[in-house]
Amino acid sequence: MNSPLLKAEDLNVRFNTANGVVHAVRGVSFELGREKLAIVGESGSGKSTIGRALLRLHPHSASIDGKLQFGDTNLLACSEREMQAIRGRRMSMIMQDPKYSLNPVMRVGEQIAEAYLAHRKVSKAEARAKAIAMLESVRIRDPERVYNLYPHEVSGGMGQRIMIAMMLIPEPEIVIADEPTSALDVSVRIQVLGVLDDLVSQRGLGLIFISHDLNLVRSFCDRVLVMYAGRVVESIAAADLDKAQHPYTRGLLEALPSLDQRRERLPVLQRDPAWAA
């Protein structure tokens, strides 16, 4: 992979809690190019923690060390003011559920335009026009009407597309999508993935797709990082996921139900403490 957009080396994230230090991410290394990179694993494996670490969104109780190189920028050496210029403008994050990410008392179009105004010195009229064009690019019909709606007036699928529009309007280089389709039904999920796929290929973005759905990432992403207990236990091309070697990845795959193969009982994933060492 030539000239990666992002390079993480020996990334560690620790949280100071009342019960001691929790080592949530342990020595993770990876590179991201202009591709769709999936990070998969069970709940608590550290997937979302990595996404938030890239944007330095963790509370003060967290300590992050290692190396996070974003182009010519060392993210871990940036001041908070420098990070504010990176968040949204150069690197964006799409959250899981738009109900908790959109301001309920502000029209959705104004929220998208606000994201553009925060990073561009343009007039409000120009920001409005850009927001309407962005709504159209994420396949929303009648974007001028939707611009004036409030979050409670849109469906879950439309809300997720509005979130994608808001995160992409500043034209970032990297997008982190944290389980963006888990709250959607199958048909809407396909539409949202289609929107993401088109935008990534047209704009040449790097996409980090955080998920627990192996079947989804197998068909949608280019590469997969499999995480267990804060570590990356396997890195593999998504198309080769069935050829995975690590017993944890094999266990996750074997626990998937199948319409073609009827089994009386799905196998239980057996965990080895050595995988976390």
Protein backbone atom coordinates (compact mmCIF):
# COMPACT_ATOMS: atom_id res chain seq x y z
CA MET A 1 0.00 0.00 0.00
CA ASN A 2 1.67 3.24 -1.17
CA SER A 3 1.79 6.38 1.01
CA PRO A 4 -0.81 5.47 3.66
CA LEU A 5 -3.15 8.20 4.86
CA LEU A 6 -2.82 7.02 8.45
CA LYS A 7 -0.29 4.89 10.29
CA ALA A 8 -0.70 3.57 13.83
CA GLU A 9 2.25 1.95 15.60
CA ASP A 10 2.10 0.26 19.00
CA LEU A 11 -1.05 2.19 19.98
CA ASN A 12 -2.07 1.81 23.63
CA VAL A 13 -5.12 3.27 25.35
CA ARG A 14 -5.51 3.04 29.14
CA PHE A 15 -8.29 4.32 31.38
CA ASN A 16 -7.79 5.23 35.03
CA THR A 17 -10.81 3.97 36.97
CA ALA A 18 -11.78 3.62 40.61
CA ASN A 19 -10.80 -0.07 40.35
CA GLY A 20 -7.43 0.57 38.76
CA VAL A 21 -6.05 0.96 35.25
CA VAL A 22 -7.94 -0.68 32.36
CA HIS A 23 -5.71 -1.40 29.36
CA ALA A 24 -8.34 -1.16 26.59
CA VAL A 25 -6.10 -1.13 23.49
CA ARG A 26 -2.81 -3.04 23.58
CA GLY A 27 -0.01 -2.45 21.09
CA VAL A 28 -2.18 -2.08 17.98
CA SER A 29 -0.46 -1.31 14.65
CA PHE A 30 -2.04 -0.82 11.22
CA GLU A 31 -1.99 1.36 8.12
CA LEU A 32 -4.92 2.91 6.25
CA GLY A 33 -4.81 3.84 2.56
CA ARG A 34 -7.59 4.94 0.23
CA GLU A 35 -9.60 1.84 1.06
CA LYS A 36 -12.31 0.40 3.30
CA LEU A 37 -10.69 -1.10 6.39
CA ALA A 38 -12.91 -3.03 8.80
CA ILE A 39 -12.21 -3.44 12.52
CA VAL A 40 -14.26 -6.32 13.92
CA GLY A 41 -14.59 -8.12 17.22
CA GLU A 42 -16.90 -8.69 20.14
CA SER A 43 -18.26 -5.89 22.33
CA GLY A 44 -15.46 -4.63 24.55
CA SER A 45 -12.66 -5.73 22.21
CA GLY A 46 -11.45 -2.14 21.69
CA LYS A 47 -12.87 -1.36 18.23
CA SER A 48 -14.61 1.93 19.07
CA THR A 49 -11.82 2.89 21.46
CA ILE A 50 -9.42 2.98 18.51
CA GLY A 51 -11.81 5.15 16.49
CA ARG A 52 -12.14 7.68 19.30
CA ALA A 53 -8.40 7.61 19.98
CA LEU A 54 -7.71 8.71 16.40
CA LEU A 55 -9.79 11.84 17.00
CA ARG A 56 -8.61 12.24 20.62
CA LEU A 57 -12.19 12.09 21.88
CA HIS A 58 -11.49 10.16 25.07
CA PRO A 59 -11.96 11.76 28.52
CA HIS A 60 -9.04 13.06 30.58
CA SER A 61 -8.98 9.77 32.49
CA ALA A 62 -7.58 8.12 29.35
CA SER A 63 -3.91 7.98 28.44
CA ILE A 64 -2.83 7.27 24.85
CA ASP A 65 0.68 6.39 23.76
CA GLY A 66 2.41 4.95 20.72
CA LYS A 67 2.40 6.63 17.32
CA LEU A 68 -0.50 7.98 15.26
CA GLN A 69 0.82 9.53 12.06
CA PHE A 70 -1.77 11.26 9.86
CA GLY A 71 0.10 12.45 6.77
CA ASP A 72 2.74 14.83 8.13
CA THR A 73 0.91 15.23 11.46
CA ASN A 74 1.66 13.37 14.69
CA LEU A 75 -1.84 13.25 16.20
CA LEU A 76 -0.59 12.48 19.70
CA ALA A 77 1.59 15.60 19.70
CA CYS A 78 -1.20 17.95 18.56
CA SER A 79 -2.64 20.59 20.88
CA GLU A 80 -6.39 20.68 21.43
CA ARG A 81 -6.63 23.67 19.08
CA GLU A 82 -4.79 21.75 16.36
CA MET A 83 -7.09 18.75 16.87
CA GLN A 84 -10.15 21.01 16.45
CA ALA A 85 -8.84 21.89 12.99
CA ILE A 86 -8.48 18.18 12.16
CA ARG A 87 -11.79 16.90 13.58
CA GLY A 88 -14.48 17.16 10.94
CA ARG A 89 -12.30 19.02 8.45
CA ARG A 90 -9.75 16.26 7.78
CA MET A 91 -11.12 13.30 9.75
CA SER A 92 -14.78 12.64 10.55
CA MET A 93 -16.68 10.07 12.60
CA ILE A 94 -20.15 8.71 11.82
CA MET A 95 -21.82 7.55 15.02
CA GLN A 96 -24.06 4.51 15.45
CA ASP A 97 -27.47 6.10 16.04
CA PRO A 98 -28.46 9.50 14.58
CA LYS A 99 -31.12 9.96 17.29
CA TYR A 100 -28.34 10.66 19.78
CA SER A 101 -26.08 12.62 17.43
CA LEU A 102 -28.46 15.17 15.87
CA ASN A 103 -29.64 18.24 17.77
CA PRO A 104 -33.41 17.66 18.29
CA VAL A 105 -34.33 21.39 18.27
CA MET A 106 -32.40 22.34 15.13
CA ARG A 107 -33.40 21.65 11.52
CA VAL A 108 -31.27 18.93 9.95
CA GLY A 109 -30.20 21.08 7.02
CA GLU A 110 -28.98 23.82 9.34
CA GLN A 111 -26.89 21.24 11.21
CA ILE A 112 -25.25 20.11 7.95
CA ALA A 113 -24.64 23.72 6.88
CA GLU A 114 -23.19 24.48 10.32
CA ALA A 115 -20.63 21.68 9.85
CA TYR A 116 -19.55 23.35 6.60
CA LEU A 117 -19.44 26.85 8.10
CA ALA A 118 -17.28 25.60 10.96
CA HIS A 119 -14.46 24.81 8.53
CA ARG A 120 -15.04 27.15 5.57
CA LYS A 121 -15.26 30.92 5.32
CA VAL A 122 -18.39 31.12 3.17
CA SER A 123 -21.76 32.85 3.34
CA LYS A 124 -24.79 31.20 4.93
CA ALA A 125 -26.46 31.08 1.51
CA GLU A 126 -23.49 29.20 0.05
CA ALA A 127 -23.45 26.80 3.02
CA ARG A 128 -27.18 26.14 2.55
CA ALA A 129 -26.69 25.39 -1.15
CA LYS A 130 -23.78 23.07 -0.33
CA ALA A 131 -25.88 21.27 2.32
CA ILE A 132 -28.77 20.73 -0.13
CA ALA A 133 -26.32 19.37 -2.73
CA MET A 134 -24.86 17.07 -0.08
CA LEU A 135 -28.31 15.76 0.85
CA GLU A 136 -28.88 14.97 -2.81
CA SER A 137 -25.51 13.16 -3.02
CA VAL A 138 -26.54 10.79 -0.21
CA ARG A 139 -29.66 9.86 -2.21
CA ILE A 140 -32.27 11.85 -0.31
CA ARG A 141 -35.28 12.77 -2.42
CA ASP A 142 -36.55 16.34 -2.34
CA PRO A 143 -33.49 17.63 -0.43
CA GLU A 144 -34.89 21.18 -0.09
CA ARG A 145 -37.89 19.83 1.84
CA VAL A 146 -35.73 17.55 4.02
CA TYR A 147 -33.39 20.48 4.77
CA ASN A 148 -36.19 22.09 6.82
CA LEU A 149 -37.19 18.98 8.79
CA TYR A 150 -36.35 18.30 12.43
CA PRO A 151 -34.61 15.03 13.44
CA HIS A 152 -37.83 13.50 14.85
CA GLU A 153 -39.48 13.96 11.44
CA VAL A 154 -37.07 11.69 9.55
CA SER A 155 -36.76 7.90 9.52
CA GLY A 156 -33.78 5.99 10.91
CA GLY A 157 -32.33 5.36 7.46
CA MET A 158 -32.75 8.99 6.40
CA GLY A 159 -31.27 10.13 9.72
CA GLN A 160 -28.19 8.01 9.10
CA ARG A 161 -27.80 9.46 5.59
CA ILE A 162 -28.12 12.95 7.08
CA MET A 163 -25.31 12.07 9.51
CA ILE A 164 -23.17 10.86 6.59
CA ALA A 165 -23.87 14.13 4.76
CA MET A 166 -22.89 16.14 7.85
CA MET A 167 -19.62 14.25 8.30
CA LEU A 168 -18.67 14.40 4.61
CA ILE A 169 -19.58 18.00 3.80
CA PRO A 170 -16.22 19.36 5.05
CA GLU A 171 -14.57 16.91 2.56
CA PRO A 172 -12.41 14.93 5.03
CA GLU A 173 -9.62 12.57 4.02
CA ILE A 174 -10.60 9.85 6.50
CA VAL A 175 -14.04 8.75 7.72
CA ILE A 176 -14.51 6.53 10.78
CA ALA A 177 -17.89 4.77 10.71
CA ASP A 178 -18.76 3.25 14.10
CA GLU A 179 -21.38 0.55 13.38
CA PRO A 180 -23.35 2.98 11.18
CA THR A 181 -25.89 0.37 10.02
CA SER A 182 -26.51 -1.75 13.12
CA ALA A 183 -29.77 0.07 13.97
CA LEU A 184 -31.16 -0.22 10.42
CA ASP A 185 -33.23 -2.90 8.69
CA VAL A 186 -31.69 -4.91 5.86
CA SER A 187 -33.04 -2.90 2.91
CA VAL A 188 -32.09 0.48 4.41
CA ARG A 189 -28.70 -0.93 5.43
CA ILE A 190 -27.95 -1.80 1.80
CA GLN A 191 -28.87 1.73 0.73
CA VAL A 192 -26.63 3.35 3.36
CA LEU A 193 -23.71 1.06 2.49
CA GLY A 194 -24.22 1.94 -1.17
CA VAL A 195 -24.00 5.65 -0.31
CA LEU A 196 -20.77 5.10 1.66
CA ASP A 197 -19.27 2.93 -1.07
CA ASP A 198 -19.99 5.51 -3.79
CA LEU A 199 -18.61 8.40 -1.76
CA VAL A 200 -15.43 6.53 -0.79
CA SER A 201 -14.71 5.51 -4.39
CA GLN A 202 -15.59 8.92 -5.88
CA ARG A 203 -13.63 10.99 -3.35
CA GLY A 204 -10.76 8.59 -2.70
CA LEU A 205 -11.32 8.56 1.06
CA GLY A 206 -9.92 6.20 3.64
CA LEU A 207 -12.78 4.50 5.54
CA ILE A 208 -12.45 2.74 8.89
CA PHE A 209 -15.59 0.63 9.28
CA ILE A 210 -16.13 -0.56 12.86
CA SER A 211 -18.50 -3.53 13.08
CA HIS A 212 -19.30 -6.85 14.70
CA ASP A 213 -20.93 -8.22 11.53
CA LEU A 214 -18.46 -10.51 9.73
CA ASN A 215 -20.79 -11.23 6.82
CA LEU A 216 -21.25 -7.50 6.23
CA VAL A 217 -17.54 -6.60 6.23
CA ARG A 218 -16.71 -9.61 4.07
CA SER A 219 -18.82 -8.19 1.23
CA PHE A 220 -18.28 -4.46 1.84
CA CYS A 221 -14.68 -3.89 2.96
CA ASP A 222 -11.22 -4.43 1.46
CA ARG A 223 -9.30 -5.54 4.57
CA VAL A 224 -10.23 -6.72 8.05
CA LEU A 225 -8.52 -6.32 11.43
CA VAL A 226 -9.84 -8.82 13.98
CA MET A 227 -9.59 -7.65 17.60
CA TYR A 228 -9.68 -9.61 20.83
CA ALA A 229 -9.18 -8.10 24.32
CA GLY A 230 -7.64 -4.91 22.93
CA ARG A 231 -5.24 -6.63 20.52
CA VAL A 232 -5.29 -7.22 16.78
CA VAL A 233 -5.05 -11.00 16.50
CA GLU A 234 -5.36 -11.19 12.71
CA SER A 235 -5.17 -8.91 9.66
CA ILE A 236 -6.57 -10.36 6.44
CA ALA A 237 -8.12 -9.37 3.10
CA ALA A 238 -11.91 -9.32 3.42
CA ALA A 239 -12.27 -11.62 0.41
CA ASP A 240 -10.03 -14.18 2.17
CA LEU A 241 -11.89 -14.13 5.48
CA ASP A 242 -12.93 -17.76 5.07
CA LYS A 243 -9.22 -18.66 4.96
CA ALA A 244 -8.49 -17.02 8.34
CA GLN A 245 -5.99 -18.91 10.47
CA HIS A 246 -6.32 -17.54 13.99
CA PRO A 247 -8.55 -19.72 16.22
CA TYR A 248 -10.46 -16.66 17.45
CA THR A 249 -11.37 -15.59 13.91
CA ARG A 250 -12.23 -19.19 13.05
CA GLY A 251 -14.45 -19.36 16.13
CA LEU A 252 -16.30 -16.18 15.16
CA LEU A 253 -16.89 -17.50 11.64
CA GLU A 254 -18.07 -20.91 12.84
CA ALA A 255 -20.55 -19.29 15.22
CA LEU A 256 -22.35 -17.58 12.33
CA PRO A 257 -25.74 -19.13 11.47
CA SER A 258 -26.18 -20.29 7.89
CA LEU A 259 -29.25 -20.69 5.68
CA ASP A 260 -27.50 -23.37 3.62
CA GLN A 261 -26.12 -25.55 6.42
CA ARG A 262 -28.59 -26.60 9.08
CA ARG A 263 -27.00 -27.30 12.45
CA GLU A 264 -28.80 -28.38 15.58
CA ARG A 265 -26.60 -26.20 17.73
CA LEU A 266 -24.17 -23.38 16.91
CA PRO A 267 -20.69 -23.92 18.39
CA VAL A 268 -19.69 -21.84 21.43
CA LEU A 269 -16.56 -19.73 20.97
CA GLN A 270 -13.75 -21.08 23.14
CA ARG A 271 -11.39 -18.35 24.34
CA ASP A 272 -7.73 -18.83 25.20
CA PRO A 273 -6.17 -16.38 27.72
CA ALA A 274 -2.97 -16.56 25.67
CA TRP A 275 -4.68 -14.59 22.85
CA ALA A 276 -4.65 -11.49 25.05
CA ALA A 277 -1.00 -11.88 26.03
